[in-house]
Amino acid sequence: PRTGKKKQLHCRLCHKKATTKCMKCEVPLHVTCFLHYHT
């Protein structure tokens, strides 16, 4: 909200920059890392 730009967060699994997250866990995750993180 301060800059109007997308936040730069790191994926919880691979630790690279991610633009998606899990709404329930509230942690940044790539789509490719999503299934492996929750199993």
Full PDB file with SEQRES, HELIX, SHEET, SSBOND, CRYST1, ORIGX, SCALE, CONECT and MASTER records, all heavy atoms in Angstrom:
SEQRES   1 A   39  PRO ARG THR GLY LYS LYS LYS GLN LEU HIS CYS ARG LEU          
SEQRES   2 A   39  CYS HIS LYS LYS ALA THR THR LYS CYS MET LYS CYS GLU          
SEQRES   3 A   39  VAL PRO LEU HIS VAL THR CYS PHE LEU HIS TYR HIS THR          
HELIX    1 AA1 VAL A   31  TYR A   37  1                                   7    
CRYST1    1.000    1.000    1.000  90.00  90.00  90.00 P 1           1          
ORIGX1      1.000000  0.000000  0.000000        0.00000                         
ORIGX2      0.000000  1.000000  0.000000        0.00000                         
ORIGX3      0.000000  0.000000  1.000000        0.00000                         
SCALE1      1.000000  0.000000  0.000000        0.00000                         
SCALE2      0.000000  1.000000  0.000000        0.00000                         
SCALE3      0.000000  0.000000  1.000000        0.00000                         
ATOM      1  N   PRO A   1       0.805  -1.226   0.000  1.00  0.00           N  
ATOM      2  CA  PRO A   1       0.000   0.000   0.000  1.00  0.00           C  
ATOM      3  C   PRO A   1       0.837   1.275   0.000  1.00  0.00           C  
ATOM      4  O   PRO A   1       0.366   2.338  -0.412  1.00  0.00           O  
ATOM      5  CB  PRO A   1      -0.818  -0.134   1.292  1.00  0.00           C  
ATOM      6  CG  PRO A   1      -0.044  -1.064   2.155  1.00  0.00           C  
ATOM      7  CD  PRO A   1       0.632  -2.020   1.226  1.00  0.00           C  
ATOM      8  N   ARG A   2       2.098   1.214   0.416  1.00  0.00           N  
ATOM      9  CA  ARG A   2       2.930   2.430   0.461  1.00  0.00           C  
ATOM     10  C   ARG A   2       3.504   2.766  -0.905  1.00  0.00           C  
ATOM     11  O   ARG A   2       3.532   3.938  -1.302  1.00  0.00           O  
ATOM     12  CB  ARG A   2       4.069   2.234   1.463  1.00  0.00           C  
ATOM     13  CG  ARG A   2       3.585   2.086   2.907  1.00  0.00           C  
ATOM     14  CD  ARG A   2       4.742   1.778   3.842  1.00  0.00           C  
ATOM     15  NE  ARG A   2       5.367   0.485   3.496  1.00  0.00           N  
ATOM     16  CZ  ARG A   2       6.415  -0.011   4.128  1.00  0.00           C  
ATOM     17  NH1 ARG A   2       6.977   0.674   5.121  1.00  0.00           N  
ATOM     18  NH2 ARG A   2       6.912  -1.172   3.770  1.00  0.00           N  
ATOM     19  N   THR A   3       3.937   1.750  -1.636  1.00  0.00           N  
ATOM     20  CA  THR A   3       4.573   1.998  -2.933  1.00  0.00           C  
ATOM     21  C   THR A   3       3.671   1.698  -4.110  1.00  0.00           C  
ATOM     22  O   THR A   3       3.933   2.161  -5.225  1.00  0.00           O  
ATOM     23  CB  THR A   3       5.861   1.161  -3.055  1.00  0.00           C  
ATOM     24  OG1 THR A   3       5.512  -0.235  -2.970  1.00  0.00           O  
ATOM     25  CG2 THR A   3       6.829   1.490  -1.921  1.00  0.00           C  
ATOM     26  N   GLY A   4       2.607   0.922  -3.884  1.00  0.00           N  
ATOM     27  CA  GLY A   4       1.739   0.527  -4.982  1.00  0.00           C  
ATOM     28  C   GLY A   4       2.308  -0.567  -5.846  1.00  0.00           C  
ATOM     29  O   GLY A   4       1.687  -0.946  -6.847  1.00  0.00           O  
ATOM     30  N   LYS A   5       3.460  -1.110  -5.517  1.00  0.00           N  
ATOM     31  CA  LYS A   5       4.084  -2.183  -6.277  1.00  0.00           C  
ATOM     32  C   LYS A   5       3.907  -3.513  -5.530  1.00  0.00           C  
ATOM     33  O   LYS A   5       3.640  -3.544  -4.334  1.00  0.00           O  
ATOM     34  CB  LYS A   5       5.577  -1.903  -6.485  1.00  0.00           C  
ATOM     35  CG  LYS A   5       5.854  -0.635  -7.275  1.00  0.00           C  
ATOM     36  CD  LYS A   5       7.341  -0.442  -7.450  1.00  0.00           C  
ATOM     37  CE  LYS A   5       7.642   0.842  -8.237  1.00  0.00           C  
ATOM     38  NZ  LYS A   5       9.101   1.057  -8.415  1.00  0.00           N  
ATOM     39  N   LYS A   6       4.047  -4.596  -6.297  1.00  0.00           N  
ATOM     40  CA  LYS A   6       3.892  -5.922  -5.695  1.00  0.00           C  
ATOM     41  C   LYS A   6       5.033  -6.192  -4.726  1.00  0.00           C  
ATOM     42  O   LYS A   6       6.189  -5.871  -4.988  1.00  0.00           O  
ATOM     43  CB  LYS A   6       3.848  -6.978  -6.795  1.00  0.00           C  
ATOM     44  CG  LYS A   6       3.384  -8.361  -6.305  1.00  0.00           C  
ATOM     45  CD  LYS A   6       3.239  -9.322  -7.463  1.00  0.00           C  
ATOM     46  CE  LYS A   6       2.082  -8.878  -8.361  1.00  0.00           C  
ATOM     47  NZ  LYS A   6       0.774  -9.012  -7.640  1.00  0.00           N  
ATOM     48  N   LYS A   7       4.690  -6.784  -3.581  1.00  0.00           N  
ATOM     49  CA  LYS A   7       5.685  -7.076  -2.568  1.00  0.00           C  
ATOM     50  C   LYS A   7       6.685  -8.119  -3.081  1.00  0.00           C  
ATOM     51  O   LYS A   7       6.333  -9.023  -3.831  1.00  0.00           O  
ATOM     52  CB  LYS A   7       5.015  -7.616  -1.303  1.00  0.00           C  
ATOM     53  CG  LYS A   7       4.114  -6.606  -0.601  1.00  0.00           C  
ATOM     54  CD  LYS A   7       3.505  -7.222   0.645  1.00  0.00           C  
ATOM     55  CE  LYS A   7       2.608  -6.224   1.359  1.00  0.00           C  
ATOM     56  NZ  LYS A   7       1.977  -6.811   2.563  1.00  0.00           N  
ATOM     57  N   GLN A   8       7.931  -7.954  -2.691  1.00  0.00           N  
ATOM     58  CA  GLN A   8       8.993  -8.890  -3.064  1.00  0.00           C  
ATOM     59  C   GLN A   8       9.185  -9.876  -1.910  1.00  0.00           C  
ATOM     60  O   GLN A   8       9.821  -9.569  -0.900  1.00  0.00           O  
ATOM     61  CB  GLN A   8      10.293  -8.132  -3.346  1.00  0.00           C  
ATOM     62  CG  GLN A   8      10.202  -7.193  -4.526  1.00  0.00           C  
ATOM     63  CD  GLN A   8      10.031  -7.943  -5.833  1.00  0.00           C  
ATOM     64  OE1 GLN A   8      10.569  -9.036  -6.018  1.00  0.00           O  
ATOM     65  NE2 GLN A   8       9.296  -7.353  -6.762  1.00  0.00           N  
ATOM     66  N   LEU A   9       8.553 -11.058  -2.057  1.00  0.00           N  
ATOM     67  CA  LEU A   9       8.650 -12.091  -1.029  1.00  0.00           C  
ATOM     68  C   LEU A   9       9.293 -13.331  -1.614  1.00  0.00           C  
ATOM     69  O   LEU A   9       9.253 -13.557  -2.822  1.00  0.00           O  
ATOM     70  CB  LEU A   9       7.253 -12.437  -0.486  1.00  0.00           C  
ATOM     71  CG  LEU A   9       6.492 -11.271   0.165  1.00  0.00           C  
ATOM     72  CD1 LEU A   9       5.112 -11.725   0.590  1.00  0.00           C  
ATOM     73  CD2 LEU A   9       7.269 -10.701   1.344  1.00  0.00           C  
ATOM     74  N   HIS A  10       9.871 -14.139  -0.748  1.00  0.00           N  
ATOM     75  CA  HIS A  10      10.579 -15.342  -1.170  1.00  0.00           C  
ATOM     76  C   HIS A  10       9.743 -16.582  -0.863  1.00  0.00           C  
ATOM     77  O   HIS A  10       9.084 -16.671   0.188  1.00  0.00           O  
ATOM     78  CB  HIS A  10      11.936 -15.442  -0.462  1.00  0.00           C  
ATOM     79  CG  HIS A  10      12.890 -14.360  -0.853  1.00  0.00           C  
ATOM     80  ND1 HIS A  10      13.750 -14.484  -1.926  1.00  0.00           N  
ATOM     81  CD2 HIS A  10      13.122 -13.124  -0.328  1.00  0.00           C  
ATOM     82  CE1 HIS A  10      14.479 -13.383  -2.041  1.00  0.00           C  
ATOM     83  NE2 HIS A  10      14.106 -12.540  -1.088  1.00  0.00           N  
ATOM     84  N   CYS A  11       9.785 -17.522  -1.771  1.00  0.00           N  
ATOM     85  CA  CYS A  11       9.033 -18.775  -1.635  1.00  0.00           C  
ATOM     86  C   CYS A  11       9.503 -19.519  -0.384  1.00  0.00           C  
ATOM     87  O   CYS A  11      10.707 -19.624  -0.120  1.00  0.00           O  
ATOM     88  CB  CYS A  11       9.220 -19.640  -2.877  1.00  0.00           C  
ATOM     89  SG  CYS A  11       8.406 -21.262  -2.777  1.00  0.00           S  
ATOM     90  N   ARG A  12       8.556 -20.033   0.373  1.00  0.00           N  
ATOM     91  CA  ARG A  12       8.905 -20.724   1.605  1.00  0.00           C  
ATOM     92  C   ARG A  12       9.647 -22.031   1.333  1.00  0.00           C  
ATOM     93  O   ARG A  12      10.416 -22.484   2.182  1.00  0.00           O  
ATOM     94  CB  ARG A  12       7.611 -21.014   2.393  1.00  0.00           C  
ATOM     95  CG  ARG A  12       7.821 -21.690   3.732  1.00  0.00           C  
ATOM     96  CD  ARG A  12       8.670 -20.847   4.670  1.00  0.00           C  
ATOM     97  NE  ARG A  12       8.073 -19.565   4.940  1.00  0.00           N  
ATOM     98  CZ  ARG A  12       7.165 -19.325   5.891  1.00  0.00           C  
ATOM     99  NH1 ARG A  12       6.730 -20.325   6.636  1.00  0.00           N  
ATOM    100  NH2 ARG A  12       6.711 -18.119   6.084  1.00  0.00           N  
ATOM    101  N   LEU A  13       9.495 -22.611   0.141  1.00  0.00           N  
ATOM    102  CA  LEU A  13      10.118 -23.890  -0.150  1.00  0.00           C  
ATOM    103  C   LEU A  13      11.460 -23.737  -0.864  1.00  0.00           C  
ATOM    104  O   LEU A  13      12.485 -24.259  -0.415  1.00  0.00           O  
ATOM    105  CB  LEU A  13       9.171 -24.757  -0.990  1.00  0.00           C  
ATOM    106  CG  LEU A  13       9.590 -26.206  -1.184  1.00  0.00           C  
ATOM    107  CD1 LEU A  13       9.575 -26.946   0.156  1.00  0.00           C  
ATOM    108  CD2 LEU A  13       8.671 -26.911  -2.175  1.00  0.00           C  
ATOM    109  N   CYS A  14      11.476 -22.997  -1.973  1.00  0.00           N  
ATOM    110  CA  CYS A  14      12.717 -22.886  -2.754  1.00  0.00           C  
ATOM    111  C   CYS A  14      13.467 -21.582  -2.487  1.00  0.00           C  
ATOM    112  O   CYS A  14      14.571 -21.385  -2.996  1.00  0.00           O  
ATOM    113  CB  CYS A  14      12.414 -23.011  -4.241  1.00  0.00           C  
ATOM    114  SG  CYS A  14      11.431 -21.653  -4.913  1.00  0.00           S  
ATOM    115  N   HIS A  15      12.856 -20.659  -1.741  1.00  0.00           N  
ATOM    116  CA  HIS A  15      13.480 -19.408  -1.307  1.00  0.00           C  
ATOM    117  C   HIS A  15      13.801 -18.448  -2.458  1.00  0.00           C  
ATOM    118  O   HIS A  15      14.616 -17.535  -2.293  1.00  0.00           O  
ATOM    119  CB  HIS A  15      14.757 -19.685  -0.504  1.00  0.00           C  
ATOM    120  CG  HIS A  15      14.540 -20.616   0.655  1.00  0.00           C  
ATOM    121  ND1 HIS A  15      13.763 -20.302   1.749  1.00  0.00           N  
ATOM    122  CD2 HIS A  15      14.980 -21.888   0.861  1.00  0.00           C  
ATOM    123  CE1 HIS A  15      13.755 -21.312   2.602  1.00  0.00           C  
ATOM    124  NE2 HIS A  15      14.480 -22.308   2.087  1.00  0.00           N  
ATOM    125  N   LYS A  16      13.172 -18.643  -3.612  1.00  0.00           N  
ATOM    126  CA  LYS A  16      13.300 -17.690  -4.711  1.00  0.00           C  
ATOM    127  C   LYS A  16      12.128 -16.717  -4.676  1.00  0.00           C  
ATOM    128  O   LYS A  16      11.111 -16.962  -4.016  1.00  0.00           O  
ATOM    129  CB  LYS A  16      13.352 -18.427  -6.042  1.00  0.00           C  
ATOM    130  CG  LYS A  16      14.573 -19.336  -6.194  1.00  0.00           C  
ATOM    131  CD  LYS A  16      14.555 -20.032  -7.547  1.00  0.00           C  
ATOM    132  CE  LYS A  16      15.769 -20.942  -7.701  1.00  0.00           C  
ATOM    133  NZ  LYS A  16      15.767 -21.651  -9.017  1.00  0.00           N  
ATOM    134  N   LYS A  17      12.255 -15.603  -5.410  1.00  0.00           N  
ATOM    135  CA  LYS A  17      11.196 -14.610  -5.418  1.00  0.00           C  
ATOM    136  C   LYS A  17       9.911 -15.201  -5.988  1.00  0.00           C  
ATOM    137  O   LYS A  17       9.930 -15.895  -7.011  1.00  0.00           O  
ATOM    138  CB  LYS A  17      11.613 -13.388  -6.230  1.00  0.00           C  
ATOM    139  CG  LYS A  17      12.716 -12.579  -5.563  1.00  0.00           C  
ATOM    140  CD  LYS A  17      13.043 -11.325  -6.360  1.00  0.00           C  
ATOM    141  CE  LYS A  17      14.134 -10.510  -5.664  1.00  0.00           C  
ATOM    142  NZ  LYS A  17      14.454  -9.273  -6.430  1.00  0.00           N  
ATOM    143  N   ALA A  18       8.795 -14.914  -5.309  1.00  0.00           N  
ATOM    144  CA  ALA A  18       7.508 -15.474  -5.695  1.00  0.00           C  
ATOM    145  C   ALA A  18       6.468 -14.369  -5.788  1.00  0.00           C  
ATOM    146  O   ALA A  18       6.553 -13.347  -5.088  1.00  0.00           O  
ATOM    147  CB  ALA A  18       7.064 -16.523  -4.686  1.00  0.00           C  
ATOM    148  N   THR A  19       5.498 -14.576  -6.658  1.00  0.00           N  
ATOM    149  CA  THR A  19       4.383 -13.627  -6.827  1.00  0.00           C  
ATOM    150  C   THR A  19       3.053 -14.224  -6.398  1.00  0.00           C  
ATOM    151  O   THR A  19       2.027 -13.562  -6.494  1.00  0.00           O  
ATOM    152  CB  THR A  19       4.279 -13.203  -8.301  1.00  0.00           C  
ATOM    153  OG1 THR A  19       4.079 -14.364  -9.119  1.00  0.00           O  
ATOM    154  CG2 THR A  19       5.542 -12.473  -8.738  1.00  0.00           C  
ATOM    155  N   THR A  20       3.059 -15.459  -5.932  1.00  0.00           N  
ATOM    156  CA  THR A  20       1.837 -16.117  -5.463  1.00  0.00           C  
ATOM    157  C   THR A  20       2.056 -16.617  -4.041  1.00  0.00           C  
ATOM    158  O   THR A  20       3.184 -16.765  -3.572  1.00  0.00           O  
ATOM    159  CB  THR A  20       1.460 -17.299  -6.370  1.00  0.00           C  
ATOM    160  OG1 THR A  20       2.571 -18.203  -6.454  1.00  0.00           O  
ATOM    161  CG2 THR A  20       1.092 -16.812  -7.769  1.00  0.00           C  
ATOM    162  N   LYS A  21       0.930 -16.918  -3.383  1.00  0.00           N  
ATOM    163  CA  LYS A  21       0.977 -17.385  -2.003  1.00  0.00           C  
ATOM    164  C   LYS A  21      -0.199 -18.328  -1.732  1.00  0.00           C  
ATOM    165  O   LYS A  21      -1.112 -18.464  -2.551  1.00  0.00           O  
ATOM    166  CB  LYS A  21       0.913 -16.207  -1.029  1.00  0.00           C  
ATOM    167  CG  LYS A  21      -0.434 -15.489  -1.032  1.00  0.00           C  
ATOM    168  CD  LYS A  21      -0.498 -14.423   0.021  1.00  0.00           C  
ATOM    169  CE  LYS A  21      -1.886 -13.757   0.050  1.00  0.00           C  
ATOM    170  NZ  LYS A  21      -1.993 -12.741   1.104  1.00  0.00           N  
ATOM    171  N   CYS A  22      -0.160 -18.985  -0.583  1.00  0.00           N  
ATOM    172  CA  CYS A  22      -1.281 -19.799  -0.106  1.00  0.00           C  
ATOM    173  C   CYS A  22      -2.141 -18.921   0.789  1.00  0.00           C  
ATOM    174  O   CYS A  22      -1.651 -18.347   1.772  1.00  0.00           O  
ATOM    175  CB  CYS A  22      -0.788 -21.028   0.652  1.00  0.00           C  
ATOM    176  SG  CYS A  22      -2.102 -22.030   1.381  1.00  0.00           S  
ATOM    177  N   MET A  23      -3.433 -18.833   0.469  1.00  0.00           N  
ATOM    178  CA  MET A  23      -4.314 -17.944   1.219  1.00  0.00           C  
ATOM    179  C   MET A  23      -4.498 -18.425   2.660  1.00  0.00           C  
ATOM    180  O   MET A  23      -4.618 -17.606   3.578  1.00  0.00           O  
ATOM    181  CB  MET A  23      -5.678 -17.864   0.522  1.00  0.00           C  
ATOM    182  CG  MET A  23      -5.643 -17.155  -0.828  1.00  0.00           C  
ATOM    183  SD  MET A  23      -7.286 -17.011  -1.560  1.00  0.00           S  
ATOM    184  CE  MET A  23      -8.121 -16.029  -0.309  1.00  0.00           C  
ATOM    185  N   LYS A  24      -4.522 -19.739   2.899  1.00  0.00           N  
ATOM    186  CA  LYS A  24      -4.747 -20.237   4.258  1.00  0.00           C  
ATOM    187  C   LYS A  24      -3.482 -20.165   5.098  1.00  0.00           C  
ATOM    188  O   LYS A  24      -3.502 -19.686   6.228  1.00  0.00           O  
ATOM    189  CB  LYS A  24      -5.257 -21.674   4.200  1.00  0.00           C  
ATOM    190  CG  LYS A  24      -5.565 -22.265   5.569  1.00  0.00           C  
ATOM    191  CD  LYS A  24      -6.153 -23.643   5.461  1.00  0.00           C  
ATOM    192  CE  LYS A  24      -6.486 -24.196   6.846  1.00  0.00           C  
ATOM    193  NZ  LYS A  24      -7.098 -25.543   6.773  1.00  0.00           N  
ATOM    194  N   CYS A  25      -2.374 -20.658   4.555  1.00  0.00           N  
ATOM    195  CA  CYS A  25      -1.111 -20.638   5.313  1.00  0.00           C  
ATOM    196  C   CYS A  25      -0.499 -19.247   5.379  1.00  0.00           C  
ATOM    197  O   CYS A  25       0.332 -18.981   6.263  1.00  0.00           O  
ATOM    198  CB  CYS A  25      -0.115 -21.608   4.698  1.00  0.00           C  
ATOM    199  SG  CYS A  25      -0.649 -23.332   4.684  1.00  0.00           S  
ATOM    200  N   GLU A  26      -0.871 -18.375   4.427  1.00  0.00           N  
ATOM    201  CA  GLU A  26      -0.329 -17.014   4.361  1.00  0.00           C  
ATOM    202  C   GLU A  26       1.185 -17.023   4.234  1.00  0.00           C  
ATOM    203  O   GLU A  26       1.886 -16.269   4.923  1.00  0.00           O  
ATOM    204  CB  GLU A  26      -0.781 -16.192   5.560  1.00  0.00           C  
ATOM    205  CG  GLU A  26      -2.290 -15.996   5.629  1.00  0.00           C  
ATOM    206  CD  GLU A  26      -2.702 -15.096   6.765  1.00  0.00           C  
ATOM    207  OE1 GLU A  26      -1.791 -14.563   7.455  1.00  0.00           O  
ATOM    208  OE2 GLU A  26      -3.903 -14.917   6.992  1.00  0.00           O  
ATOM    209  N   VAL A  27       1.689 -17.888   3.380  1.00  0.00           N  
ATOM    210  CA  VAL A  27       3.122 -17.950   3.108  1.00  0.00           C  
ATOM    211  C   VAL A  27       3.312 -17.876   1.597  1.00  0.00           C  
ATOM    212  O   VAL A  27       2.507 -18.417   0.825  1.00  0.00           O  
ATOM    213  CB  VAL A  27       3.747 -19.248   3.655  1.00  0.00           C  
ATOM    214  CG1 VAL A  27       3.666 -19.282   5.171  1.00  0.00           C  
ATOM    215  CG2 VAL A  27       3.088 -20.483   3.077  1.00  0.00           C  
ATOM    216  N   PRO A  28       4.346 -17.185   1.106  1.00  0.00           N  
ATOM    217  CA  PRO A  28       4.596 -17.116  -0.345  1.00  0.00           C  
ATOM    218  C   PRO A  28       5.035 -18.470  -0.887  1.00  0.00           C  
ATOM    219  O   PRO A  28       5.882 -19.154  -0.298  1.00  0.00           O  
ATOM    220  CB  PRO A  28       5.692 -16.062  -0.466  1.00  0.00           C  
ATOM    221  CG  PRO A  28       6.355 -16.036   0.866  1.00  0.00           C  
ATOM    222  CD  PRO A  28       5.306 -16.363   1.868  1.00  0.00           C  
ATOM    223  N   LEU A  29       4.467 -18.862  -2.021  1.00  0.00           N  
ATOM    224  CA  LEU A  29       4.775 -20.140  -2.647  1.00  0.00           C  
ATOM    225  C   LEU A  29       4.615 -20.026  -4.152  1.00  0.00           C  
ATOM    226  O   LEU A  29       3.687 -19.366  -4.640  1.00  0.00           O  
ATOM    227  CB  LEU A  29       3.835 -21.255  -2.144  1.00  0.00           C  
ATOM    228  CG  LEU A  29       4.042 -21.797  -0.727  1.00  0.00           C  
ATOM    229  CD1 LEU A  29       2.870 -22.678  -0.331  1.00  0.00           C  
ATOM    230  CD2 LEU A  29       5.346 -22.568  -0.641  1.00  0.00           C  
ATOM    231  N   HIS A  30       5.527 -20.650  -4.897  1.00  0.00           N  
ATOM    232  CA  HIS A  30       5.331 -20.800  -6.334  1.00  0.00           C  
ATOM    233  C   HIS A  30       4.236 -21.831  -6.591  1.00  0.00           C  
ATOM    234  O   HIS A  30       3.975 -22.701  -5.760  1.00  0.00           O  
ATOM    235  CB  HIS A  30       6.639 -21.241  -7.021  1.00  0.00           C  
ATOM    236  CG  HIS A  30       7.705 -20.205  -6.993  1.00  0.00           C  
ATOM    237  ND1 HIS A  30       8.869 -20.354  -6.280  1.00  0.00           N  
ATOM    238  CD2 HIS A  30       7.781 -18.978  -7.589  1.00  0.00           C  
ATOM    239  CE1 HIS A  30       9.631 -19.288  -6.437  1.00  0.00           C  
ATOM    240  NE2 HIS A  30       8.993 -18.433  -7.222  1.00  0.00           N  
ATOM    241  N   VAL A  31       3.629 -21.751  -7.735  1.00  0.00           N  
ATOM    242  CA  VAL A  31       2.614 -22.742  -8.096  1.00  0.00           C  
ATOM    243  C   VAL A  31       3.240 -24.127  -8.197  1.00  0.00           C  
ATOM    244  O   VAL A  31       2.641 -25.138  -7.807  1.00  0.00           O  
ATOM    245  CB  VAL A  31       1.937 -22.346  -9.420  1.00  0.00           C  
ATOM    246  CG1 VAL A  31       0.942 -23.419  -9.862  1.00  0.00           C  
ATOM    247  CG2 VAL A  31       1.244 -21.002  -9.280  1.00  0.00           C  
ATOM    248  N   THR A  32       4.467 -24.194  -8.689  1.00  0.00           N  
ATOM    249  CA  THR A  32       5.143 -25.496  -8.804  1.00  0.00           C  
ATOM    250  C   THR A  32       5.558 -26.058  -7.447  1.00  0.00           C  
ATOM    251  O   THR A  32       5.747 -27.261  -7.303  1.00  0.00           O  
ATOM    252  CB  THR A  32       6.378 -25.364  -9.698  1.00  0.00           C  
ATOM    253  OG1 THR A  32       7.230 -24.321  -9.187  1.00  0.00           O  
ATOM    254  CG2 THR A  32       5.965 -25.011 -11.131  1.00  0.00           C  
ATOM    255  N   CYS A  33       5.709 -25.202  -6.449  1.00  0.00           N  
ATOM    256  CA  CYS A  33       6.094 -25.641  -5.102  1.00  0.00           C  
ATOM    257  C   CYS A  33       4.886 -25.892  -4.198  1.00  0.00           C  
ATOM    258  O   CYS A  33       5.044 -26.383  -3.067  1.00  0.00           O  
ATOM    259  CB  CYS A  33       7.002 -24.617  -4.438  1.00  0.00           C  
ATOM    260  SG  CYS A  33       8.533 -24.271  -5.334  1.00  0.00           S  
ATOM    261  N   PHE A  34       3.701 -25.546  -4.680  1.00  0.00           N  
ATOM    262  CA  PHE A  34       2.508 -25.568  -3.839  1.00  0.00           C  
ATOM    263  C   PHE A  34       2.183 -26.985  -3.354  1.00  0.00           C  
ATOM    264  O   PHE A  34       1.975 -27.220  -2.146  1.00  0.00           O  
ATOM    265  CB  PHE A  34       1.321 -24.992  -4.622  1.00  0.00           C  
ATOM    266  CG  PHE A  34       0.124 -24.695  -3.781  1.00  0.00           C  
ATOM    267  CD1 PHE A  34       0.001 -23.481  -3.134  1.00  0.00           C  
ATOM    268  CD2 PHE A  34      -0.886 -25.627  -3.642  1.00  0.00           C  
ATOM    269  CE1 PHE A  34      -1.107 -23.208  -2.350  1.00  0.00           C  
ATOM    270  CE2 PHE A  34      -1.995 -25.362  -2.863  1.00  0.00           C  
ATOM    271  CZ  PHE A  34      -2.097 -24.140  -2.229  1.00  0.00           C  
ATOM    272  N   LEU A  35       2.165 -27.952  -4.254  1.00  0.00           N  
ATOM    273  CA  LEU A  35       1.786 -29.321  -3.871  1.00  0.00           C  
ATOM    274  C   LEU A  35       2.835 -29.950  -2.970  1.00  0.00           C  
ATOM    275  O   LEU A  35       2.498 -30.615  -1.982  1.00  0.00           O  
ATOM    276  CB  LEU A  35       1.595 -30.158  -5.145  1.00  0.00           C  
ATOM    277  CG  LEU A  35       1.207 -31.631  -4.925  1.00  0.00           C  
ATOM    278  CD1 LEU A  35      -0.123 -31.718  -4.199  1.00  0.00           C  
ATOM    279  CD2 LEU A  35       1.146 -32.366  -6.269  1.00  0.00           C  
ATOM    280  N   HIS A  36       4.090 -29.749  -3.283  1.00  0.00           N  
ATOM    281  CA  HIS A  36       5.157 -30.361  -2.478  1.00  0.00           C  
ATOM    282  C   HIS A  36       5.179 -29.777  -1.072  1.00  0.00           C  
ATOM    283  O   HIS A  36       5.480 -30.484  -0.109  1.00  0.00           O  
ATOM    284  CB  HIS A  36       6.503 -30.146  -3.160  1.00  0.00           C  
ATOM    285  CG  HIS A  36       7.641 -30.817  -2.455  1.00  0.00           C  
ATOM    286  ND1 HIS A  36       7.779 -32.181  -2.374  1.00  0.00           N  
ATOM    287  CD2 HIS A  36       8.711 -30.282  -1.772  1.00  0.00           C  
ATOM    288  CE1 HIS A  36       8.857 -32.482  -1.673  1.00  0.00           C  
ATOM    289  NE2 HIS A  36       9.438 -31.355  -1.302  1.00  0.00           N  
ATOM    290  N   TYR A  37       4.840 -28.510  -0.917  1.00  0.00           N  
ATOM    291  CA  TYR A  37       4.857 -27.875   0.412  1.00  0.00           C  
ATOM    292  C   TYR A  37       3.744 -28.424   1.307  1.00  0.00           C  
ATOM    293  O   TYR A  37       3.923 -28.540   2.518  1.00  0.00           O  
ATOM    294  CB  TYR A  37       4.701 -26.367   0.254  1.00  0.00           C  
ATOM    295  CG  TYR A  37       4.680 -25.612   1.560  1.00  0.00           C  
ATOM    296  CD1 TYR A  37       5.848 -25.324   2.241  1.00  0.00           C  
ATOM    297  CD2 TYR A  37       3.466 -25.178   2.107  1.00  0.00           C  
ATOM    298  CE1 TYR A  37       5.820 -24.629   3.448  1.00  0.00           C  
ATOM    299  CE2 TYR A  37       3.428 -24.487   3.309  1.00  0.00           C  
ATOM    300  CZ  TYR A  37       4.618 -24.217   3.963  1.00  0.00           C  
ATOM    301  OH  TYR A  37       4.586 -23.535   5.164  1.00  0.00           O  
ATOM    302  N   HIS A  38       2.587 -28.764   0.728  1.00  0.00           N  
ATOM    303  CA  HIS A  38       1.434 -29.182   1.529  1.00  0.00           C  
ATOM    304  C   HIS A  38       1.291 -30.690   1.617  1.00  0.00           C  
ATOM    305  O   HIS A  38       0.272 -31.172   2.114  1.00  0.00           O  
ATOM    306  CB  HIS A  38       0.146 -28.598   0.909  1.00  0.00           C  
ATOM    307  CG  HIS A  38       0.037 -27.115   1.068  1.00  0.00           C  
ATOM    308  ND1 HIS A  38       0.347 -26.251   0.052  1.00  0.00           N  
ATOM    309  CD2 HIS A  38      -0.324 -26.344   2.131  1.00  0.00           C  
ATOM    310  CE1 HIS A  38       0.158 -24.993   0.458  1.00  0.00           C  
ATOM    311  NE2 HIS A  38      -0.234 -25.043   1.719  1.00  0.00           N  
ATOM    312  N   THR A  39       2.256 -31.456   1.199  1.00  0.00           N  
ATOM    313  CA  THR A  39       2.215 -32.905   1.348  1.00  0.00           C  
ATOM    314  C   THR A  39       3.456 -33.355   2.072  1.00  0.00           C  
ATOM    315  O   THR A  39       4.545 -32.793   1.908  1.00  0.00           O  
ATOM    316  CB  THR A  39       2.151 -33.612  -0.012  1.00  0.00           C  
ATOM    317  OG1 THR A  39       3.238 -33.154  -0.838  1.00  0.00           O  
ATOM    318  CG2 THR A  39       0.837 -33.304  -0.716  1.00  0.00           C  
TER     319      THR A  39                                                      
MASTER        0    0    0    1    0    0    0    6  318    1    0    3          
END                                                                             
